Amino acid sequence: MNDEEYRGPAVLTIGDERHPVRIRMSARFEPLEGRFRWAGRTSADPALAQCVGREARLHIERTSGVRLSEPDPWGGVRLSGTGTPPWFR
C-alpha cells in the first residue's frame, strides 16, 4: 500500500454520532484543479445506509469532510472527498 491508498480503521462522525468503521480508500491528484480527489467505501454497517447523502467528518491521521454517497452491494457506504486525504501524513 502507498500513500495514494488506505485500508484500515477510521471513525465517521455524522452529527453527534461516531461510527467506528473499516474503510478502503484511494486518492489521485487532479493537476487541472490543483487538488486531490479521494473516494472509497466502508465495511458493512446498516446504520450508515440511513445516513446516505449527509455530510460527515472522517477521522484517520487527520480529520476531513466527507460525503456519504450511496450504499454498495456489500452493505457498506461509498465515501468521497476533496483536498488532502485524511490518511496523508
Protein backbone atom coordinates (compact mmCIF):
# COMPACT_ATOMS: atom_id res chain seq x y z
CA MET A 1 0.00 0.00 0.00
CA ASN A 2 1.26 3.50 -0.80
CA ASP A 3 0.17 6.98 0.26
CA GLU A 4 -2.43 7.04 -2.51
CA GLU A 5 -4.30 4.18 -0.82
CA TYR A 6 -5.52 3.46 2.68
CA ARG A 7 -7.13 0.37 4.19
CA GLY A 8 -7.86 0.23 7.87
CA PRO A 9 -9.75 1.68 10.81
CA ALA A 10 -11.40 5.09 10.81
CA VAL A 11 -14.18 6.95 12.59
CA LEU A 12 -17.04 8.68 10.78
CA THR A 13 -18.73 11.46 12.73
CA ILE A 14 -22.23 12.27 11.49
CA GLY A 15 -23.88 14.96 13.57
CA ASP A 16 -23.21 13.91 17.17
CA GLU A 17 -22.81 10.21 16.38
CA ARG A 18 -19.46 8.46 15.98
CA HIS A 19 -19.28 5.32 13.83
CA PRO A 20 -16.08 3.23 14.04
CA VAL A 21 -15.59 1.63 10.61
CA ARG A 22 -13.05 -0.10 8.44
CA ILE A 23 -12.51 1.67 5.14
CA ARG A 24 -10.78 1.20 1.83
CA MET A 25 -9.82 4.45 0.07
CA SER A 26 -7.73 5.75 -2.81
CA ALA A 27 -6.69 9.25 -3.89
CA ARG A 28 -5.49 10.92 -7.04
CA PHE A 29 -4.17 14.41 -7.70
CA GLU A 30 -6.07 16.40 -10.32
CA PRO A 31 -3.50 18.79 -11.83
CA LEU A 32 -6.07 20.97 -13.61
CA GLU A 33 -7.93 21.54 -10.34
CA GLY A 34 -4.79 21.67 -8.24
CA ARG A 35 -6.20 19.36 -5.57
CA PHE A 36 -6.74 15.75 -4.58
CA ARG A 37 -9.94 13.80 -5.09
CA TRP A 38 -10.37 10.68 -2.99
CA ALA A 39 -13.02 8.02 -2.69
CA GLY A 40 -13.70 4.57 -1.30
CA ARG A 41 -16.12 2.64 0.84
CA THR A 42 -16.79 1.48 4.37
CA SER A 43 -17.22 -2.05 5.62
CA ALA A 44 -20.82 -3.21 6.04
CA ASP A 45 -22.75 -1.07 8.55
CA PRO A 46 -26.58 -0.91 8.36
CA ALA A 47 -26.68 2.32 10.40
CA LEU A 48 -24.64 4.17 7.76
CA ALA A 49 -27.08 3.28 4.98
CA GLN A 50 -29.57 5.57 6.75
CA CYS A 51 -27.09 8.46 6.52
CA VAL A 52 -26.57 8.45 2.75
CA GLY A 53 -26.46 11.96 1.32
CA ARG A 54 -25.30 13.52 4.57
CA GLU A 55 -22.07 15.32 5.22
CA ALA A 56 -19.73 13.77 7.76
CA ARG A 57 -16.22 14.03 9.18
CA LEU A 58 -13.71 11.23 8.55
CA HIS A 59 -11.02 10.76 11.22
CA ILE A 60 -7.83 8.82 10.43
CA GLU A 61 -4.45 10.61 10.78
CA ARG A 62 -6.28 13.92 10.43
CA THR A 63 -9.92 14.94 10.03
CA SER A 64 -11.56 15.78 6.70
CA GLY A 65 -15.06 16.44 5.47
CA VAL A 66 -16.53 13.50 3.55
CA ARG A 67 -19.74 12.80 1.66
CA LEU A 68 -21.67 9.55 2.09
CA SER A 69 -22.95 8.92 -1.41
CA GLU A 70 -24.73 5.55 -1.68
CA PRO A 71 -24.84 2.02 -0.26
CA ASP A 72 -22.71 -0.51 -2.10
CA PRO A 73 -23.71 -4.12 -2.89
CA TRP A 74 -21.76 -5.43 0.16
CA GLY A 75 -23.61 -3.35 2.78
CA GLY A 76 -21.05 -0.58 3.03
CA VAL A 77 -21.40 3.06 2.03
CA ARG A 78 -19.41 4.88 -0.64
CA LEU A 79 -17.38 7.86 0.53
CA SER A 80 -15.85 10.78 -1.38
CA GLY A 81 -13.91 13.91 -0.59
CA THR A 82 -11.58 16.55 -1.97
CA GLY A 83 -8.41 18.15 -0.66
CA THR A 84 -5.64 16.47 1.30
CA PRO A 85 -6.71 12.89 2.10
CA PRO A 86 -7.12 12.30 5.85
CA TRP A 87 -4.56 9.47 5.86
CA PHE A 88 -1.72 11.58 4.38
CA ARG A 89 0.96 12.38 6.95
